[in-house]
Amino acid sequence: MTDKTLQESIRLGIRLLGQRAHSRAELSAKLMRKGVNEATAEAAMLRLENLGLIDDRNFASACLQSISKRRPEGKGKVRVRLMQKGLTEDLVEEALREYDPKEMCLAAAEKKMRSLAGAPETKRKKLETFLRNRGFDWQAIKESVDIVTRDR
């Protein structure tokens, strides 16, 4: 495969960003898998950053919002997810400051509770297991389960 020019790489990067948001590291890796050499990929990343099309801080915040709405998880699991997307540890820690695991645990518990059937104690055990598998800490699980099972 021939190396792509800088302009071709920038266009490819824009096309990939049009499909979904990417971190700088993700987009750079994708460009290199598509035949862009490392130096050209880095130059394309700089150009895309200057155009405001790549911003890892905004990307981290958007990922947190998505996780919060779609599939709330414990802080540890969220940290791993963000790191897998190529974000730096500093950016991940900064983003996690706005993440409230107790609130997310309660949201996940309320959503899951609607689909659980059986006796109250069975529901409680299933809910505890579900939340533990999502990576929430025991204190958040206990508080959330107490709230959602209180009048049921």
N, C-alpha and C. Protein backbone atom coordinates (compact mmCIF):
# COMPACT_ATOMS: atom_id res chain seq x y z
N MET A 1 0.85 -1.17 0.00
CA MET A 1 0.00 0.00 0.00
C MET A 1 0.89 1.24 0.00
N THR A 2 0.57 2.20 -0.81
CA THR A 2 1.39 3.40 -0.88
C THR A 2 1.02 4.37 0.23
N ASP A 3 2.01 5.16 0.64
CA ASP A 3 1.74 6.16 1.66
C ASP A 3 0.82 7.23 1.10
N LYS A 4 -0.09 7.67 1.92
CA LYS A 4 -1.03 8.71 1.52
C LYS A 4 -0.39 10.07 1.76
N THR A 5 -0.79 11.04 0.95
CA THR A 5 -0.28 12.40 1.12
C THR A 5 -0.96 13.02 2.34
N LEU A 6 -0.45 14.16 2.76
CA LEU A 6 -1.01 14.85 3.91
C LEU A 6 -2.47 15.24 3.63
N GLN A 7 -2.74 15.79 2.47
CA GLN A 7 -4.11 16.19 2.14
C GLN A 7 -5.06 15.00 2.13
N GLU A 8 -4.62 13.89 1.55
CA GLU A 8 -5.46 12.69 1.54
C GLU A 8 -5.71 12.21 2.97
N SER A 9 -4.68 12.30 3.80
CA SER A 9 -4.80 11.87 5.19
C SER A 9 -5.76 12.75 5.97
N ILE A 10 -5.70 14.03 5.73
CA ILE A 10 -6.62 14.97 6.40
C ILE A 10 -8.05 14.69 5.96
N ARG A 11 -8.25 14.49 4.66
CA ARG A 11 -9.61 14.17 4.16
C ARG A 11 -10.11 12.86 4.76
N LEU A 12 -9.25 11.87 4.84
CA LEU A 12 -9.63 10.59 5.43
C LEU A 12 -9.99 10.78 6.91
N GLY A 13 -9.18 11.57 7.61
CA GLY A 13 -9.46 11.86 9.02
C GLY A 13 -10.80 12.54 9.19
N ILE A 14 -11.11 13.50 8.34
CA ILE A 14 -12.39 14.21 8.41
C ILE A 14 -13.54 13.24 8.14
N ARG A 15 -13.35 12.35 7.16
CA ARG A 15 -14.39 11.37 6.85
C ARG A 15 -14.63 10.44 8.05
N LEU A 16 -13.55 9.99 8.69
CA LEU A 16 -13.69 9.13 9.87
C LEU A 16 -14.36 9.88 11.03
N LEU A 17 -14.02 11.14 11.20
CA LEU A 17 -14.64 11.94 12.26
C LEU A 17 -16.12 12.21 11.96
N GLY A 18 -16.48 12.20 10.69
CA GLY A 18 -17.88 12.37 10.32
C GLY A 18 -18.73 11.18 10.70
N GLN A 19 -18.11 10.02 10.83
CA GLN A 19 -18.84 8.81 11.22
C GLN A 19 -19.09 8.77 12.71
N ARG A 20 -18.09 9.17 13.51
CA ARG A 20 -18.21 9.26 14.96
C ARG A 20 -16.99 10.00 15.50
N ALA A 21 -17.10 10.48 16.71
CA ALA A 21 -15.98 11.17 17.35
C ALA A 21 -14.87 10.16 17.66
N HIS A 22 -13.64 10.63 17.61
CA HIS A 22 -12.48 9.79 17.92
C HIS A 22 -11.53 10.59 18.80
N SER A 23 -10.77 9.88 19.62
CA SER A 23 -9.67 10.53 20.33
C SER A 23 -8.54 10.70 19.32
N ARG A 24 -7.58 11.51 19.69
CA ARG A 24 -6.42 11.73 18.82
C ARG A 24 -5.71 10.41 18.54
N ALA A 25 -5.51 9.62 19.60
CA ALA A 25 -4.79 8.34 19.45
C ALA A 25 -5.57 7.37 18.56
N GLU A 26 -6.88 7.28 18.75
CA GLU A 26 -7.71 6.39 17.93
C GLU A 26 -7.62 6.77 16.45
N LEU A 27 -7.78 8.06 16.19
CA LEU A 27 -7.79 8.52 14.79
C LEU A 27 -6.42 8.31 14.15
N SER A 28 -5.37 8.60 14.87
CA SER A 28 -4.03 8.40 14.34
C SER A 28 -3.79 6.92 14.00
N ALA A 29 -4.21 6.03 14.90
CA ALA A 29 -4.04 4.59 14.66
C ALA A 29 -4.85 4.15 13.44
N LYS A 30 -6.05 4.67 13.29
CA LYS A 30 -6.87 4.31 12.14
C LYS A 30 -6.24 4.78 10.84
N LEU A 31 -5.69 5.99 10.86
CA LEU A 31 -5.02 6.50 9.66
C LEU A 31 -3.84 5.61 9.28
N MET A 32 -3.08 5.19 10.27
CA MET A 32 -1.91 4.36 9.98
C MET A 32 -2.34 2.98 9.47
N ARG A 33 -3.45 2.45 9.97
CA ARG A 33 -3.96 1.18 9.45
C ARG A 33 -4.43 1.33 8.00
N LYS A 34 -4.78 2.55 7.62
CA LYS A 34 -5.25 2.80 6.25
C LYS A 34 -4.10 3.16 5.31
N GLY A 35 -2.85 3.04 5.79
CA GLY A 35 -1.71 3.25 4.91
C GLY A 35 -1.01 4.57 5.06
N VAL A 36 -1.34 5.33 6.06
CA VAL A 36 -0.68 6.62 6.31
C VAL A 36 0.53 6.36 7.19
N ASN A 37 1.69 6.91 6.79
CA ASN A 37 2.87 6.70 7.62
C ASN A 37 2.78 7.57 8.89
N GLU A 38 3.59 7.25 9.86
CA GLU A 38 3.49 7.89 11.18
C GLU A 38 3.69 9.40 11.11
N ALA A 39 4.67 9.86 10.35
CA ALA A 39 4.94 11.29 10.25
C ALA A 39 3.77 12.04 9.61
N THR A 40 3.19 11.46 8.57
CA THR A 40 2.06 12.09 7.90
C THR A 40 0.83 12.07 8.80
N ALA A 41 0.64 10.97 9.52
CA ALA A 41 -0.49 10.88 10.45
C ALA A 41 -0.37 11.95 11.53
N GLU A 42 0.84 12.16 12.05
CA GLU A 42 1.06 13.18 13.07
C GLU A 42 0.78 14.58 12.51
N ALA A 43 1.23 14.84 11.29
CA ALA A 43 0.97 16.14 10.66
C ALA A 43 -0.53 16.34 10.45
N ALA A 44 -1.23 15.29 10.05
CA ALA A 44 -2.68 15.36 9.86
C ALA A 44 -3.37 15.63 11.20
N MET A 45 -2.90 14.98 12.27
CA MET A 45 -3.49 15.20 13.59
C MET A 45 -3.34 16.65 14.02
N LEU A 46 -2.16 17.20 13.78
CA LEU A 46 -1.93 18.61 14.14
C LEU A 46 -2.87 19.53 13.37
N ARG A 47 -3.04 19.27 12.09
CA ARG A 47 -3.94 20.09 11.26
C ARG A 47 -5.39 19.96 11.74
N LEU A 48 -5.82 18.74 12.03
CA LEU A 48 -7.19 18.52 12.50
C LEU A 48 -7.42 19.15 13.87
N GLU A 49 -6.40 19.15 14.72
CA GLU A 49 -6.50 19.84 16.01
C GLU A 49 -6.62 21.34 15.81
N ASN A 50 -5.79 21.89 14.90
CA ASN A 50 -5.84 23.33 14.62
C ASN A 50 -7.18 23.76 14.06
N LEU A 51 -7.83 22.85 13.32
CA LEU A 51 -9.17 23.13 12.79
C LEU A 51 -10.26 22.94 13.85
N GLY A 52 -9.88 22.44 15.01
CA GLY A 52 -10.84 22.22 16.09
C GLY A 52 -11.66 20.95 15.92
N LEU A 53 -11.20 20.04 15.06
CA LEU A 53 -11.95 18.82 14.80
C LEU A 53 -11.58 17.68 15.76
N ILE A 54 -10.43 17.81 16.40
CA ILE A 54 -10.02 16.82 17.40
C ILE A 54 -9.75 17.58 18.70
N ASP A 55 -10.38 17.12 19.75
CA ASP A 55 -10.17 17.71 21.08
C ASP A 55 -10.40 16.60 22.10
N ASP A 56 -9.34 16.05 22.62
CA ASP A 56 -9.45 14.91 23.53
C ASP A 56 -10.22 15.25 24.80
N ARG A 57 -10.14 16.49 25.27
CA ARG A 57 -10.88 16.89 26.47
C ARG A 57 -12.39 16.81 26.21
N ASN A 58 -12.83 17.37 25.09
CA ASN A 58 -14.25 17.30 24.72
C ASN A 58 -14.68 15.87 24.44
N PHE A 59 -13.78 15.10 23.82
CA PHE A 59 -14.07 13.71 23.52
C PHE A 59 -14.30 12.93 24.81
N ALA A 60 -13.45 13.13 25.82
CA ALA A 60 -13.59 12.44 27.10
C ALA A 60 -14.92 12.80 27.75
N SER A 61 -15.28 14.06 27.72
CA SER A 61 -16.54 14.50 28.30
C SER A 61 -17.73 13.88 27.57
N ALA A 62 -17.67 13.84 26.24
CA ALA A 62 -18.74 13.25 25.44
C ALA A 62 -18.87 11.75 25.72
N CYS A 63 -17.74 11.08 25.87
CA CYS A 63 -17.76 9.65 26.20
C CYS A 63 -18.43 9.42 27.54
N LEU A 64 -18.11 10.25 28.53
CA LEU A 64 -18.72 10.12 29.85
C LEU A 64 -20.24 10.31 29.77
N GLN A 65 -20.67 11.30 29.02
CA GLN A 65 -22.11 11.53 28.86
C GLN A 65 -22.78 10.34 28.21
N SER A 66 -22.14 9.79 27.21
CA SER A 66 -22.69 8.63 26.51
C SER A 66 -22.80 7.43 27.44
N ILE A 67 -21.74 7.17 28.19
CA ILE A 67 -21.74 6.05 29.13
C ILE A 67 -22.83 6.25 30.18
N SER A 68 -22.95 7.49 30.67
CA SER A 68 -23.94 7.80 31.70
C SER A 68 -25.35 7.53 31.22
N LYS A 69 -25.64 7.84 29.98
CA LYS A 69 -26.99 7.67 29.44
C LYS A 69 -27.25 6.24 28.98
N ARG A 70 -26.28 5.67 28.31
CA ARG A 70 -26.47 4.38 27.66
C ARG A 70 -26.28 3.21 28.61
N ARG A 71 -25.16 3.21 29.32
CA ARG A 71 -24.82 2.04 30.14
C ARG A 71 -23.97 2.48 31.33
N PRO A 72 -24.61 3.02 32.37
CA PRO A 72 -23.83 3.48 33.53
C PRO A 72 -22.98 2.37 34.13
N GLU A 73 -21.76 2.73 34.49
CA GLU A 73 -20.81 1.77 35.08
C GLU A 73 -20.07 2.44 36.23
N GLY A 74 -19.39 1.62 37.01
CA GLY A 74 -18.57 2.11 38.10
C GLY A 74 -17.38 2.90 37.57
N LYS A 75 -16.82 3.70 38.44
CA LYS A 75 -15.72 4.59 38.06
C LYS A 75 -14.52 3.83 37.50
N GLY A 76 -14.20 2.69 38.07
CA GLY A 76 -13.05 1.91 37.60
C GLY A 76 -13.25 1.42 36.17
N LYS A 77 -14.44 0.93 35.88
CA LYS A 77 -14.73 0.46 34.52
C LYS A 77 -14.72 1.62 33.53
N VAL A 78 -15.25 2.76 33.94
CA VAL A 78 -15.26 3.93 33.06
C VAL A 78 -13.82 4.38 32.79
N ARG A 79 -12.99 4.36 33.82
CA ARG A 79 -11.58 4.74 33.66
C ARG A 79 -10.91 3.86 32.61
N VAL A 80 -11.13 2.55 32.70
CA VAL A 80 -10.53 1.61 31.75
C VAL A 80 -11.04 1.90 30.34
N ARG A 81 -12.35 2.13 30.20
CA ARG A 81 -12.92 2.42 28.87
C ARG A 81 -12.27 3.64 28.23
N LEU A 82 -12.11 4.69 29.03
CA LEU A 82 -11.51 5.93 28.50
C LEU A 82 -10.04 5.72 28.15
N MET A 83 -9.33 4.97 28.97
CA MET A 83 -7.92 4.69 28.68
C MET A 83 -7.80 3.87 27.39
N GLN A 84 -8.73 2.94 27.16
CA GLN A 84 -8.70 2.12 25.95
C GLN A 84 -8.92 2.97 24.70
N LYS A 85 -9.53 4.12 24.86
CA LYS A 85 -9.76 5.00 23.73
C LYS A 85 -8.54 5.89 23.44
N GLY A 86 -7.47 5.66 24.18
CA GLY A 86 -6.23 6.37 23.91
C GLY A 86 -6.09 7.70 24.62
N LEU A 87 -6.92 7.95 25.61
CA LEU A 87 -6.83 9.21 26.34
C LEU A 87 -5.74 9.10 27.40
N THR A 88 -5.10 10.22 27.68
CA THR A 88 -4.04 10.22 28.69
C THR A 88 -4.65 10.06 30.08
N GLU A 89 -3.84 9.59 31.00
CA GLU A 89 -4.31 9.40 32.37
C GLU A 89 -4.78 10.72 32.98
N ASP A 90 -4.07 11.81 32.69
CA ASP A 90 -4.46 13.12 33.21
C ASP A 90 -5.84 13.53 32.71
N LEU A 91 -6.10 13.35 31.42
CA LEU A 91 -7.40 13.69 30.85
C LEU A 91 -8.50 12.80 31.42
N VAL A 92 -8.21 11.53 31.61
CA VAL A 92 -9.19 10.60 32.18
C VAL A 92 -9.54 11.04 33.60
N GLU A 93 -8.53 11.35 34.41
CA GLU A 93 -8.79 11.79 35.79
C GLU A 93 -9.57 13.09 35.80
N GLU A 94 -9.25 14.00 34.92
CA GLU A 94 -9.97 15.27 34.83
C GLU A 94 -11.44 15.03 34.47
N ALA A 95 -11.68 14.17 33.51
CA ALA A 95 -13.04 13.87 33.09
C ALA A 95 -13.82 13.18 34.21
N LEU A 96 -13.17 12.30 34.94
CA LEU A 96 -13.85 11.54 36.00
C LEU A 96 -14.25 12.41 37.19
N ARG A 97 -13.71 13.60 37.28
CA ARG A 97 -14.11 14.49 38.37
C ARG A 97 -15.58 14.86 38.25
N GLU A 98 -16.11 14.87 37.03
CA GLU A 98 -17.52 15.21 36.84
C GLU A 98 -18.43 13.98 36.85
N TYR A 99 -17.87 12.80 37.08
CA TYR A 99 -18.63 11.55 37.07
C TYR A 99 -19.03 11.19 38.50
N ASP A 100 -20.32 11.04 38.74
CA ASP A 100 -20.82 10.69 40.07
C ASP A 100 -21.24 9.22 40.07
N PRO A 101 -20.39 8.33 40.59
CA PRO A 101 -20.71 6.90 40.53
C PRO A 101 -21.97 6.53 41.31
N LYS A 102 -22.27 7.24 42.40
CA LYS A 102 -23.49 6.93 43.16
C LYS A 102 -24.73 7.26 42.34
N GLU A 103 -24.70 8.38 41.67
CA GLU A 103 -25.83 8.77 40.80
C GLU A 103 -25.98 7.78 39.65
N MET A 104 -24.85 7.36 39.06
CA MET A 104 -24.90 6.40 37.95
C MET A 104 -25.39 5.03 38.42
N CYS A 105 -24.98 4.65 39.63
CA CYS A 105 -25.42 3.37 40.19
C CYS A 105 -26.93 3.39 40.39
N LEU A 106 -27.45 4.48 40.92
CA LEU A 106 -28.89 4.59 41.13
C LEU A 106 -29.64 4.56 39.79
N ALA A 107 -29.11 5.24 38.79
CA ALA A 107 -29.75 5.24 37.46
C ALA A 107 -29.78 3.83 36.88
N ALA A 108 -28.67 3.12 37.00
CA ALA A 108 -28.60 1.75 36.48
C ALA A 108 -29.56 0.84 37.25
N ALA A 109 -29.64 1.04 38.56
CA ALA A 109 -30.53 0.22 39.39
C ALA A 109 -31.99 0.46 39.03
N GLU A 110 -32.36 1.72 38.85
CA GLU A 110 -33.75 2.04 38.51
C GLU A 110 -34.13 1.44 37.16
N LYS A 111 -33.22 1.54 36.21
CA LYS A 111 -33.50 1.00 34.87
C LYS A 111 -33.62 -0.53 34.92
N LYS A 112 -32.70 -1.18 35.60
CA LYS A 112 -32.71 -2.64 35.67
C LYS A 112 -33.91 -3.17 36.46
N MET A 113 -34.30 -2.46 37.51
CA MET A 113 -35.39 -2.91 38.37
C MET A 113 -36.68 -3.11 37.57
N ARG A 114 -36.90 -2.30 36.57
CA ARG A 114 -38.12 -2.40 35.76
C ARG A 114 -38.22 -3.74 35.03
N SER A 115 -37.08 -4.37 34.77
CA SER A 115 -37.09 -5.62 34.00
C SER A 115 -36.98 -6.87 34.89
N LEU A 116 -36.83 -6.70 36.18
CA LEU A 116 -36.68 -7.85 37.07
C LEU A 116 -38.02 -8.39 37.53
N ALA A 117 -38.10 -9.70 37.60
CA ALA A 117 -39.32 -10.37 38.08
C ALA A 117 -38.95 -11.27 39.24
N GLY A 118 -39.94 -11.66 39.99
CA GLY A 118 -39.72 -12.59 41.08
C GLY A 118 -40.00 -11.98 42.43
N ALA A 119 -39.68 -12.72 43.45
CA ALA A 119 -39.89 -12.28 44.83
C ALA A 119 -38.95 -11.12 45.14
N PRO A 120 -39.35 -10.28 46.10
CA PRO A 120 -38.52 -9.11 46.44
C PRO A 120 -37.06 -9.45 46.76
N GLU A 121 -36.82 -10.53 47.52
CA GLU A 121 -35.44 -10.89 47.86
C GLU A 121 -34.66 -11.36 46.64
N THR A 122 -35.35 -12.05 45.73
CA THR A 122 -34.71 -12.48 44.48
C THR A 122 -34.33 -11.28 43.63
N LYS A 123 -35.23 -10.32 43.54
CA LYS A 123 -34.96 -9.09 42.78
C LYS A 123 -33.75 -8.37 43.37
N ARG A 124 -33.73 -8.28 44.68
CA ARG A 124 -32.64 -7.59 45.36
C ARG A 124 -31.29 -8.23 45.04
N LYS A 125 -31.22 -9.56 45.13
CA LYS A 125 -29.97 -10.28 44.84
C LYS A 125 -29.55 -10.09 43.38
N LYS A 126 -30.52 -10.22 42.48
CA LYS A 126 -30.21 -10.03 41.06
C LYS A 126 -29.70 -8.62 40.79
N LEU A 127 -30.33 -7.64 41.42
CA LEU A 127 -29.92 -6.25 41.24
C LEU A 127 -28.52 -6.01 41.79
N GLU A 128 -28.24 -6.57 42.96
CA GLU A 128 -26.90 -6.42 43.54
C GLU A 128 -25.84 -7.03 42.63
N THR A 129 -26.12 -8.21 42.10
CA THR A 129 -25.18 -8.87 41.20
C THR A 129 -24.98 -8.05 39.93
N PHE A 130 -26.07 -7.56 39.37
CA PHE A 130 -26.01 -6.74 38.16
C PHE A 130 -25.12 -5.51 38.38
N LEU A 131 -25.34 -4.81 39.47
CA LEU A 131 -24.58 -3.59 39.75
C LEU A 131 -23.11 -3.90 40.06
N ARG A 132 -22.86 -4.99 40.75
CA ARG A 132 -21.47 -5.40 41.04
C ARG A 132 -20.74 -5.69 39.73
N ASN A 133 -21.43 -6.37 38.80
CA ASN A 133 -20.83 -6.66 37.49
C ASN A 133 -20.58 -5.41 36.67
N ARG A 134 -21.31 -4.36 36.94
CA ARG A 134 -21.10 -3.08 36.26
C ARG A 134 -19.94 -2.29 36.88
N GLY A 135 -19.40 -2.79 37.98
CA GLY A 135 -18.21 -2.17 38.56
C GLY A 135 -18.48 -1.14 39.63
N PHE A 136 -19.69 -1.10 40.17
CA PHE A 136 -19.98 -0.13 41.22
C PHE A 136 -19.47 -0.65 42.56
N ASP A 137 -19.13 0.28 43.46
CA ASP A 137 -18.64 -0.11 44.78
C ASP A 137 -19.81 -0.52 45.66
N TRP A 138 -19.50 -1.29 46.70
CA TRP A 138 -20.54 -1.87 47.53
C TRP A 138 -21.43 -0.82 48.19
N GLN A 139 -20.85 0.27 48.65
CA GLN A 139 -21.65 1.31 49.33
C GLN A 139 -22.69 1.90 48.38
N ALA A 140 -22.28 2.20 47.15
CA ALA A 140 -23.22 2.75 46.16
C ALA A 140 -24.30 1.72 45.82
N ILE A 141 -23.90 0.46 45.72
CA ILE A 141 -24.86 -0.61 45.41
C ILE A 141 -25.89 -0.71 46.53
N LYS A 142 -25.43 -0.77 47.76
CA LYS A 142 -26.34 -0.91 48.90
C LYS A 142 -27.33 0.24 48.94
N GLU A 143 -26.85 1.48 48.82
CA GLU A 143 -27.73 2.64 48.87
C GLU A 143 -28.74 2.62 47.73
N SER A 144 -28.28 2.30 46.52
CA SER A 144 -29.16 2.29 45.35
C SER A 144 -30.22 1.19 45.46
N VAL A 145 -29.80 0.01 45.87
CA VAL A 145 -30.75 -1.10 46.00
C VAL A 145 -31.78 -0.79 47.08
N ASP A 146 -31.34 -0.21 48.19
CA ASP A 146 -32.29 0.18 49.24
C ASP A 146 -33.33 1.16 48.71
N ILE A 147 -32.89 2.11 47.91
CA ILE A 147 -33.82 3.12 47.37
C ILE A 147 -34.81 2.50 46.40
N VAL A 148 -34.33 1.71 45.45
CA VAL A 148 -35.23 1.21 44.40
C VAL A 148 -36.12 0.05 44.87
N THR A 149 -35.76 -0.60 45.98
CA THR A 149 -36.59 -1.70 46.47
C THR A 149 -37.44 -1.30 47.66
N ARG A 150 -37.36 -0.08 48.08
CA ARG A 150 -38.02 0.40 49.29
C ARG A 150 -39.52 0.10 49.29
N ASP A 151 -40.23 0.49 48.25
CA ASP A 151 -41.69 0.33 48.22
C ASP A 151 -42.16 -0.74 47.25
N ARG A 152 -41.32 -1.70 46.97
CA ARG A 152 -41.69 -2.72 45.98
C ARG A 152 -41.74 -4.08 46.58
